[in-house]
Amino acid sequence: MTPPSNLPAVRGCASARCYLRPEVRSPEVYDEGRGELVVVLDCSELDRSTRFLTEDLGYLWSRVGGETYRSLTPAVGAGVELLLQRVLDVKASKNRLHLDLRTRDLASEMARVSALGGVVLTSEPLVEADWRWHVLADPDGNELCVLRSPEDYWNTTE
């Protein structure tokens, strides 16, 4: 995905996905606009997590709050912000929150995410009610799932 040409690049940034936060963005809101929904993900290495997640999700990133945080937002300007937070402790147990990447083609999405550095944690797909998925870990060990949804799912969400 090519970043929009109207966003100014951050000077001195080597990443093609590093841009200043768009002035006009459509954040994901909750409770009829009471506030903005942001998902925060702890990580030990901001650069590594930023590379993995921007490529995986097609997001752009910007620095916020010094060297502790990175804001990842959809290139199109609308959607949920993912805020990466650098922490010193290493992940020790199962996540209480994870990302689901829903796809029509499980095999190709698994290959793509694995090539980006995702580590496959399940040897065979898990199956439940016509959903098939694998559990993977990002470079910090945070779990994410790549799911193939039932065909009728796409008929109701498009």
N, C-alpha and C. Protein backbone atom coordinates (compact mmCIF):
# COMPACT_ATOMS: atom_id res chain seq x y z
N MET A 1 0.85 -1.17 0.00
CA MET A 1 0.00 0.00 0.00
C MET A 1 0.90 1.23 0.00
N THR A 2 0.68 2.14 -0.87
CA THR A 2 1.43 3.37 -0.95
C THR A 2 0.79 4.43 -0.06
N PRO A 3 1.60 5.09 0.78
CA PRO A 3 1.03 6.14 1.63
C PRO A 3 0.49 7.28 0.78
N PRO A 4 -0.54 7.97 1.27
CA PRO A 4 -1.10 9.11 0.54
C PRO A 4 -0.03 10.16 0.28
N SER A 5 -0.03 10.77 -0.88
CA SER A 5 1.00 11.74 -1.25
C SER A 5 0.83 13.07 -0.53
N ASN A 6 -0.30 13.31 0.09
CA ASN A 6 -0.53 14.60 0.74
C ASN A 6 0.00 14.66 2.17
N LEU A 7 0.61 13.57 2.68
CA LEU A 7 1.14 13.59 4.03
C LEU A 7 2.62 13.92 4.02
N PRO A 8 3.06 14.86 4.86
CA PRO A 8 4.47 15.21 4.90
C PRO A 8 5.28 14.16 5.64
N ALA A 9 6.40 13.74 5.05
CA ALA A 9 7.28 12.77 5.68
C ALA A 9 8.01 13.41 6.86
N VAL A 10 8.37 12.59 7.84
CA VAL A 10 9.13 13.07 8.99
C VAL A 10 10.59 13.17 8.56
N ARG A 11 11.20 14.33 8.73
CA ARG A 11 12.59 14.54 8.34
C ARG A 11 13.51 13.62 9.13
N GLY A 12 14.44 12.98 8.43
CA GLY A 12 15.41 12.10 9.07
C GLY A 12 14.89 10.70 9.32
N CYS A 13 13.71 10.39 8.88
CA CYS A 13 13.14 9.06 9.09
C CYS A 13 13.42 8.21 7.86
N ALA A 14 13.97 7.03 8.06
CA ALA A 14 14.33 6.16 6.95
C ALA A 14 13.16 5.33 6.45
N SER A 15 12.09 5.25 7.19
CA SER A 15 10.95 4.42 6.83
C SER A 15 10.04 5.10 5.81
N ALA A 16 9.60 4.33 4.84
CA ALA A 16 8.65 4.86 3.85
C ALA A 16 7.28 5.07 4.46
N ARG A 17 7.03 4.54 5.64
CA ARG A 17 5.72 4.67 6.27
C ARG A 17 5.72 5.65 7.44
N CYS A 18 6.76 6.44 7.59
CA CYS A 18 6.85 7.40 8.68
C CYS A 18 6.36 8.76 8.20
N TYR A 19 5.24 9.20 8.72
CA TYR A 19 4.63 10.46 8.30
C TYR A 19 4.14 11.22 9.49
N LEU A 20 4.04 12.52 9.34
CA LEU A 20 3.41 13.32 10.37
C LEU A 20 1.93 12.96 10.42
N ARG A 21 1.36 13.02 11.57
CA ARG A 21 -0.06 12.71 11.74
C ARG A 21 -0.90 13.63 10.86
N PRO A 22 -1.80 13.06 10.07
CA PRO A 22 -2.66 13.91 9.24
C PRO A 22 -3.45 14.88 10.11
N GLU A 23 -3.59 16.12 9.64
CA GLU A 23 -4.37 17.10 10.40
C GLU A 23 -5.83 16.72 10.46
N VAL A 24 -6.32 16.11 9.40
CA VAL A 24 -7.71 15.67 9.37
C VAL A 24 -7.70 14.15 9.40
N ARG A 25 -8.22 13.59 10.47
CA ARG A 25 -8.27 12.15 10.61
C ARG A 25 -9.65 11.79 11.13
N SER A 26 -10.12 10.62 10.75
CA SER A 26 -11.41 10.15 11.24
C SER A 26 -11.17 9.03 12.24
N PRO A 27 -10.98 9.38 13.51
CA PRO A 27 -10.70 8.35 14.50
C PRO A 27 -11.93 7.48 14.77
N GLU A 28 -11.68 6.34 15.32
CA GLU A 28 -12.76 5.45 15.74
C GLU A 28 -13.28 5.97 17.07
N VAL A 29 -14.55 6.27 17.15
CA VAL A 29 -15.11 6.85 18.37
C VAL A 29 -15.93 5.80 19.12
N TYR A 30 -16.17 6.09 20.38
CA TYR A 30 -17.03 5.23 21.18
C TYR A 30 -18.13 6.07 21.83
N ASP A 31 -19.18 5.41 22.23
CA ASP A 31 -20.32 6.02 22.93
C ASP A 31 -20.79 7.29 22.23
N GLU A 32 -21.13 7.13 20.95
CA GLU A 32 -21.69 8.22 20.15
C GLU A 32 -20.83 9.47 20.14
N GLY A 33 -19.52 9.27 20.07
CA GLY A 33 -18.60 10.39 19.95
C GLY A 33 -18.06 10.94 21.25
N ARG A 34 -18.29 10.22 22.34
CA ARG A 34 -17.80 10.69 23.64
C ARG A 34 -16.28 10.78 23.66
N GLY A 35 -15.62 9.89 22.92
CA GLY A 35 -14.16 9.88 22.90
C GLY A 35 -13.65 9.02 21.77
N GLU A 36 -12.34 8.88 21.70
CA GLU A 36 -11.68 8.13 20.64
C GLU A 36 -11.17 6.80 21.19
N LEU A 37 -11.40 5.73 20.44
CA LEU A 37 -10.91 4.41 20.81
C LEU A 37 -9.50 4.25 20.28
N VAL A 38 -8.56 3.94 21.16
CA VAL A 38 -7.17 3.68 20.80
C VAL A 38 -6.77 2.36 21.47
N VAL A 39 -6.16 1.47 20.71
CA VAL A 39 -5.67 0.21 21.26
C VAL A 39 -4.18 0.38 21.53
N VAL A 40 -3.73 0.09 22.77
CA VAL A 40 -2.34 0.25 23.17
C VAL A 40 -1.70 -1.13 23.26
N LEU A 41 -0.53 -1.26 22.64
CA LEU A 41 0.19 -2.53 22.62
C LEU A 41 1.58 -2.31 23.19
N ASP A 42 1.92 -3.04 24.24
CA ASP A 42 3.27 -2.96 24.81
C ASP A 42 4.26 -3.67 23.91
N CYS A 43 5.46 -3.12 23.81
CA CYS A 43 6.52 -3.76 23.02
C CYS A 43 7.86 -3.37 23.61
N SER A 44 8.87 -4.18 23.35
CA SER A 44 10.20 -3.89 23.90
C SER A 44 11.07 -3.10 22.93
N GLU A 45 10.84 -3.24 21.63
CA GLU A 45 11.63 -2.52 20.63
C GLU A 45 10.69 -1.79 19.67
N LEU A 46 10.58 -0.49 19.83
CA LEU A 46 9.64 0.30 19.02
C LEU A 46 9.92 0.18 17.53
N ASP A 47 11.17 0.24 17.12
CA ASP A 47 11.48 0.19 15.68
C ASP A 47 11.03 -1.13 15.07
N ARG A 48 11.35 -2.24 15.72
CA ARG A 48 10.98 -3.56 15.21
C ARG A 48 9.47 -3.73 15.16
N SER A 49 8.78 -3.35 16.22
CA SER A 49 7.32 -3.49 16.25
C SER A 49 6.67 -2.58 15.23
N THR A 50 7.21 -1.38 15.07
CA THR A 50 6.67 -0.44 14.09
C THR A 50 6.79 -1.00 12.68
N ARG A 51 7.97 -1.52 12.33
CA ARG A 51 8.16 -2.11 10.99
C ARG A 51 7.18 -3.25 10.76
N PHE A 52 7.08 -4.16 11.71
CA PHE A 52 6.21 -5.33 11.56
C PHE A 52 4.75 -4.90 11.39
N LEU A 53 4.26 -4.06 12.27
CA LEU A 53 2.83 -3.73 12.27
C LEU A 53 2.43 -2.78 11.14
N THR A 54 3.28 -1.85 10.75
CA THR A 54 2.91 -0.98 9.64
C THR A 54 2.81 -1.77 8.34
N GLU A 55 3.73 -2.69 8.14
CA GLU A 55 3.67 -3.52 6.93
C GLU A 55 2.50 -4.50 7.02
N ASP A 56 2.30 -5.09 8.19
CA ASP A 56 1.24 -6.08 8.36
C ASP A 56 -0.14 -5.46 8.18
N LEU A 57 -0.36 -4.27 8.73
CA LEU A 57 -1.68 -3.65 8.73
C LEU A 57 -1.87 -2.61 7.63
N GLY A 58 -0.78 -2.19 6.96
CA GLY A 58 -0.90 -1.13 5.97
C GLY A 58 -1.11 0.23 6.63
N TYR A 59 -0.59 0.40 7.83
CA TYR A 59 -0.73 1.63 8.59
C TYR A 59 0.49 2.53 8.36
N LEU A 60 0.35 3.80 8.72
CA LEU A 60 1.44 4.76 8.76
C LEU A 60 1.76 5.02 10.23
N TRP A 61 2.96 5.51 10.51
CA TRP A 61 3.27 5.79 11.91
C TRP A 61 3.83 7.19 12.08
N SER A 62 3.70 7.68 13.31
CA SER A 62 4.28 8.96 13.69
C SER A 62 4.73 8.87 15.15
N ARG A 63 5.69 9.70 15.48
CA ARG A 63 6.17 9.76 16.86
C ARG A 63 5.20 10.60 17.68
N VAL A 64 4.91 10.13 18.87
CA VAL A 64 4.12 10.91 19.82
C VAL A 64 4.74 10.71 21.20
N GLY A 65 4.80 11.75 21.98
CA GLY A 65 5.28 11.61 23.36
C GLY A 65 6.71 11.16 23.51
N GLY A 66 7.62 11.61 22.66
CA GLY A 66 9.03 11.27 22.81
C GLY A 66 9.36 9.89 22.27
N GLU A 67 10.27 9.22 22.95
CA GLU A 67 10.77 7.93 22.47
C GLU A 67 10.05 6.73 23.08
N THR A 68 8.96 6.96 23.78
CA THR A 68 8.25 5.87 24.45
C THR A 68 7.09 5.36 23.63
N TYR A 69 6.55 6.18 22.73
CA TYR A 69 5.34 5.82 22.00
C TYR A 69 5.49 6.02 20.50
N ARG A 70 4.73 5.21 19.75
CA ARG A 70 4.55 5.41 18.31
C ARG A 70 3.07 5.24 18.03
N SER A 71 2.53 6.15 17.26
CA SER A 71 1.13 6.11 16.87
C SER A 71 1.04 5.51 15.47
N LEU A 72 0.29 4.44 15.33
CA LEU A 72 0.05 3.81 14.03
C LEU A 72 -1.40 4.05 13.66
N THR A 73 -1.61 4.61 12.47
CA THR A 73 -2.97 4.92 12.02
C THR A 73 -3.15 4.45 10.59
N PRO A 74 -4.38 4.15 10.21
CA PRO A 74 -4.64 3.70 8.84
C PRO A 74 -4.21 4.75 7.83
N ALA A 75 -3.63 4.30 6.72
CA ALA A 75 -3.17 5.21 5.68
C ALA A 75 -4.33 6.03 5.10
N VAL A 76 -5.53 5.48 5.15
CA VAL A 76 -6.69 6.18 4.59
C VAL A 76 -7.24 7.24 5.53
N GLY A 77 -6.75 7.29 6.77
CA GLY A 77 -7.18 8.33 7.70
C GLY A 77 -8.34 7.96 8.59
N ALA A 78 -9.04 6.88 8.32
CA ALA A 78 -10.18 6.49 9.15
C ALA A 78 -9.90 5.13 9.78
N GLY A 79 -10.23 4.99 11.05
CA GLY A 79 -10.08 3.70 11.71
C GLY A 79 -9.41 3.80 13.07
N VAL A 80 -9.16 2.66 13.65
CA VAL A 80 -8.62 2.57 15.00
C VAL A 80 -7.12 2.86 15.01
N GLU A 81 -6.71 3.72 15.92
CA GLU A 81 -5.28 3.98 16.14
C GLU A 81 -4.71 2.87 17.00
N LEU A 82 -3.52 2.40 16.65
CA LEU A 82 -2.78 1.44 17.44
C LEU A 82 -1.59 2.19 18.02
N LEU A 83 -1.53 2.31 19.33
CA LEU A 83 -0.47 3.04 20.00
C LEU A 83 0.53 2.04 20.56
N LEU A 84 1.75 2.08 20.05
CA LEU A 84 2.81 1.22 20.58
C LEU A 84 3.47 1.92 21.76
N GLN A 85 3.64 1.18 22.84
CA GLN A 85 4.23 1.73 24.06
C GLN A 85 5.46 0.89 24.42
N ARG A 86 6.63 1.52 24.42
CA ARG A 86 7.85 0.79 24.78
C ARG A 86 7.85 0.54 26.28
N VAL A 87 8.06 -0.72 26.65
CA VAL A 87 8.15 -1.11 28.05
C VAL A 87 9.44 -1.89 28.26
N LEU A 88 9.93 -1.89 29.47
CA LEU A 88 11.19 -2.57 29.76
C LEU A 88 11.01 -4.05 30.04
N ASP A 89 9.85 -4.43 30.57
CA ASP A 89 9.64 -5.83 30.88
C ASP A 89 9.31 -6.63 29.63
N VAL A 90 9.66 -7.90 29.65
CA VAL A 90 9.42 -8.80 28.53
C VAL A 90 8.10 -9.53 28.75
N LYS A 91 7.36 -9.76 27.70
CA LYS A 91 6.09 -10.47 27.79
C LYS A 91 6.33 -11.85 28.38
N ALA A 92 5.52 -12.23 29.39
CA ALA A 92 5.75 -13.48 30.09
C ALA A 92 4.61 -14.48 29.97
N SER A 93 3.40 -14.04 29.62
CA SER A 93 2.28 -14.98 29.54
C SER A 93 1.33 -14.56 28.43
N LYS A 94 0.23 -15.29 28.30
CA LYS A 94 -0.74 -15.05 27.23
C LYS A 94 -1.32 -13.64 27.30
N ASN A 95 -1.51 -13.06 26.11
CA ASN A 95 -2.14 -11.74 26.03
C ASN A 95 -3.58 -11.80 26.52
N ARG A 96 -4.05 -10.70 27.07
CA ARG A 96 -5.47 -10.55 27.40
C ARG A 96 -6.19 -9.82 26.28
N LEU A 97 -5.42 -9.31 25.31
CA LEU A 97 -5.96 -8.60 24.16
C LEU A 97 -5.08 -8.98 22.97
N HIS A 98 -5.70 -9.22 21.82
CA HIS A 98 -4.90 -9.53 20.63
C HIS A 98 -5.60 -9.03 19.38
N LEU A 99 -4.87 -8.98 18.28
CA LEU A 99 -5.42 -8.56 17.00
C LEU A 99 -5.90 -9.77 16.22
N ASP A 100 -7.03 -9.65 15.54
CA ASP A 100 -7.52 -10.64 14.58
C ASP A 100 -7.40 -10.04 13.19
N LEU A 101 -6.74 -10.74 12.29
CA LEU A 101 -6.67 -10.34 10.89
C LEU A 101 -7.56 -11.29 10.12
N ARG A 102 -8.73 -10.82 9.71
CA ARG A 102 -9.70 -11.66 9.01
C ARG A 102 -9.45 -11.58 7.51
N THR A 103 -9.45 -12.74 6.87
CA THR A 103 -9.10 -12.81 5.46
C THR A 103 -9.93 -13.86 4.75
N ARG A 104 -9.98 -13.75 3.44
CA ARG A 104 -10.64 -14.77 2.62
C ARG A 104 -9.67 -15.89 2.27
N ASP A 105 -8.35 -15.61 2.31
CA ASP A 105 -7.33 -16.56 1.88
C ASP A 105 -6.33 -16.77 3.02
N LEU A 106 -6.57 -17.80 3.82
CA LEU A 106 -5.76 -18.07 5.00
C LEU A 106 -4.30 -18.34 4.63
N ALA A 107 -4.07 -19.16 3.62
CA ALA A 107 -2.70 -19.55 3.27
C ALA A 107 -1.85 -18.35 2.84
N SER A 108 -2.39 -17.50 1.97
CA SER A 108 -1.58 -16.38 1.50
C SER A 108 -1.36 -15.35 2.60
N GLU A 109 -2.35 -15.13 3.46
CA GLU A 109 -2.17 -14.18 4.56
C GLU A 109 -1.18 -14.71 5.58
N MET A 110 -1.20 -16.01 5.84
CA MET A 110 -0.22 -16.62 6.74
C MET A 110 1.18 -16.45 6.18
N ALA A 111 1.35 -16.68 4.88
CA ALA A 111 2.67 -16.54 4.26
C ALA A 111 3.14 -15.09 4.36
N ARG A 112 2.25 -14.15 4.12
CA ARG A 112 2.61 -12.73 4.16
C ARG A 112 3.04 -12.31 5.56
N VAL A 113 2.24 -12.66 6.57
CA VAL A 113 2.55 -12.26 7.94
C VAL A 113 3.82 -12.96 8.43
N SER A 114 4.01 -14.20 8.07
CA SER A 114 5.22 -14.93 8.45
C SER A 114 6.46 -14.29 7.82
N ALA A 115 6.35 -13.88 6.57
CA ALA A 115 7.48 -13.24 5.88
C ALA A 115 7.86 -11.91 6.54
N LEU A 116 6.91 -11.27 7.20
CA LEU A 116 7.18 -10.00 7.89
C LEU A 116 7.85 -10.21 9.25
N GLY A 117 7.92 -11.47 9.70
CA GLY A 117 8.52 -11.76 10.99
C GLY A 117 7.59 -12.39 12.00
N GLY A 118 6.33 -12.63 11.60
CA GLY A 118 5.39 -13.31 12.50
C GLY A 118 5.82 -14.76 12.69
N VAL A 119 5.66 -15.26 13.90
CA VAL A 119 6.04 -16.63 14.23
C VAL A 119 4.76 -17.44 14.44
N VAL A 120 4.60 -18.51 13.67
CA VAL A 120 3.40 -19.35 13.76
C VAL A 120 3.48 -20.19 15.03
N LEU A 121 2.43 -20.12 15.86
CA LEU A 121 2.39 -20.84 17.12
C LEU A 121 1.53 -22.10 17.07
N THR A 122 0.69 -22.23 16.04
CA THR A 122 -0.17 -23.41 15.90
C THR A 122 0.29 -24.23 14.70
N SER A 123 0.39 -25.54 14.88
CA SER A 123 0.85 -26.39 13.77
C SER A 123 -0.25 -26.65 12.75
N GLU A 124 -1.48 -26.68 13.21
CA GLU A 124 -2.64 -26.87 12.35
C GLU A 124 -3.64 -25.76 12.63
N PRO A 125 -4.47 -25.41 11.65
CA PRO A 125 -5.48 -24.37 11.92
C PRO A 125 -6.46 -24.82 13.00
N LEU A 126 -6.86 -23.88 13.82
CA LEU A 126 -7.93 -24.12 14.78
C LEU A 126 -9.25 -23.91 14.03
N VAL A 127 -10.29 -24.65 14.42
CA VAL A 127 -11.56 -24.57 13.71
C VAL A 127 -12.69 -24.46 14.73
N GLU A 128 -13.59 -23.51 14.46
CA GLU A 128 -14.77 -23.36 15.29
C GLU A 128 -15.86 -22.68 14.47
N ALA A 129 -17.00 -23.35 14.33
CA ALA A 129 -18.17 -22.80 13.65
C ALA A 129 -17.82 -22.18 12.29
N ASP A 130 -17.15 -22.93 11.45
CA ASP A 130 -16.76 -22.51 10.09
C ASP A 130 -15.69 -21.43 10.04
N TRP A 131 -15.10 -21.07 11.16
CA TRP A 131 -13.95 -20.17 11.19
C TRP A 131 -12.71 -21.04 11.32
N ARG A 132 -11.67 -20.71 10.57
CA ARG A 132 -10.38 -21.42 10.63
C ARG A 132 -9.31 -20.38 10.90
N TRP A 133 -8.40 -20.65 11.84
CA TRP A 133 -7.37 -19.66 12.13
C TRP A 133 -6.10 -20.28 12.69
N HIS A 134 -5.06 -19.50 12.58
CA HIS A 134 -3.77 -19.80 13.20
C HIS A 134 -3.46 -18.70 14.20
N VAL A 135 -2.74 -19.08 15.23
CA VAL A 135 -2.23 -18.13 16.20
C VAL A 135 -0.76 -17.88 15.87
N LEU A 136 -0.38 -16.62 15.80
CA LEU A 136 0.99 -16.23 15.53
C LEU A 136 1.46 -15.30 16.64
N ALA A 137 2.75 -15.01 16.64
CA ALA A 137 3.30 -14.02 17.55
C ALA A 137 4.05 -12.98 16.73
N ASP A 138 3.92 -11.72 17.15
CA ASP A 138 4.70 -10.67 16.51
C ASP A 138 6.13 -10.75 17.06
N PRO A 139 7.05 -9.91 16.61
CA PRO A 139 8.44 -10.00 17.08
C PRO A 139 8.62 -9.81 18.59
N ASP A 140 7.64 -9.23 19.28
CA ASP A 140 7.71 -9.10 20.74
C ASP A 140 7.03 -10.25 21.46
N GLY A 141 6.47 -11.19 20.71
CA GLY A 141 5.79 -12.32 21.33
C GLY A 141 4.31 -12.09 21.57
N ASN A 142 3.76 -10.94 21.18
CA ASN A 142 2.33 -10.68 21.34
C ASN A 142 1.55 -11.52 20.33
N GLU A 143 0.52 -12.23 20.81
CA GLU A 143 -0.26 -13.08 19.93
C GLU A 143 -1.16 -12.26 19.00
N LEU A 144 -1.36 -12.80 17.82
CA LEU A 144 -2.36 -12.30 16.89
C LEU A 144 -2.90 -13.51 16.15
N CYS A 145 -4.09 -13.40 15.64
CA CYS A 145 -4.70 -14.51 14.91
C CYS A 145 -4.94 -14.10 13.46
N VAL A 146 -4.68 -15.03 12.56
CA VAL A 146 -5.04 -14.86 11.16
C VAL A 146 -6.18 -15.84 10.92
N LEU A 147 -7.36 -15.29 10.57
CA LEU A 147 -8.57 -16.10 10.45
C LEU A 147 -9.14 -16.08 9.05
N ARG A 148 -9.62 -17.23 8.64
CA ARG A 148 -10.46 -17.29 7.44
C ARG A 148 -11.88 -17.43 7.93
N SER A 149 -12.67 -16.44 7.63
CA SER A 149 -14.05 -16.42 8.09
C SER A 149 -14.93 -17.22 7.12
N PRO A 150 -16.12 -17.60 7.57
CA PRO A 150 -17.05 -18.28 6.67
C PRO A 150 -17.42 -17.36 5.51
N GLU A 151 -17.73 -17.94 4.37
CA GLU A 151 -18.07 -17.15 3.17
C GLU A 151 -19.23 -16.19 3.42
N ASP A 152 -20.22 -16.60 4.19
CA ASP A 152 -21.37 -15.71 4.40
C ASP A 152 -21.01 -14.49 5.26
N TYR A 153 -19.90 -14.53 5.95
CA TYR A 153 -19.44 -13.37 6.73
C TYR A 153 -19.19 -12.18 5.81
N TRP A 154 -18.56 -12.41 4.68
CA TRP A 154 -18.22 -11.31 3.77
C TRP A 154 -19.47 -10.73 3.11
N ASN A 155 -20.51 -11.52 2.98
CA ASN A 155 -21.75 -11.01 2.39
C ASN A 155 -22.45 -10.01 3.31
N THR A 156 -22.19 -10.08 4.62
CA THR A 156 -22.86 -9.19 5.55
C THR A 156 -22.03 -7.98 5.95
N THR A 157 -20.73 -7.96 5.59
CA THR A 157 -19.87 -6.86 6.02
C THR A 157 -19.45 -5.96 4.88
N GLU A 158 -19.79 -6.27 3.66
CA GLU A 158 -19.38 -5.45 2.53
C GLU A 158 -20.46 -4.48 2.10
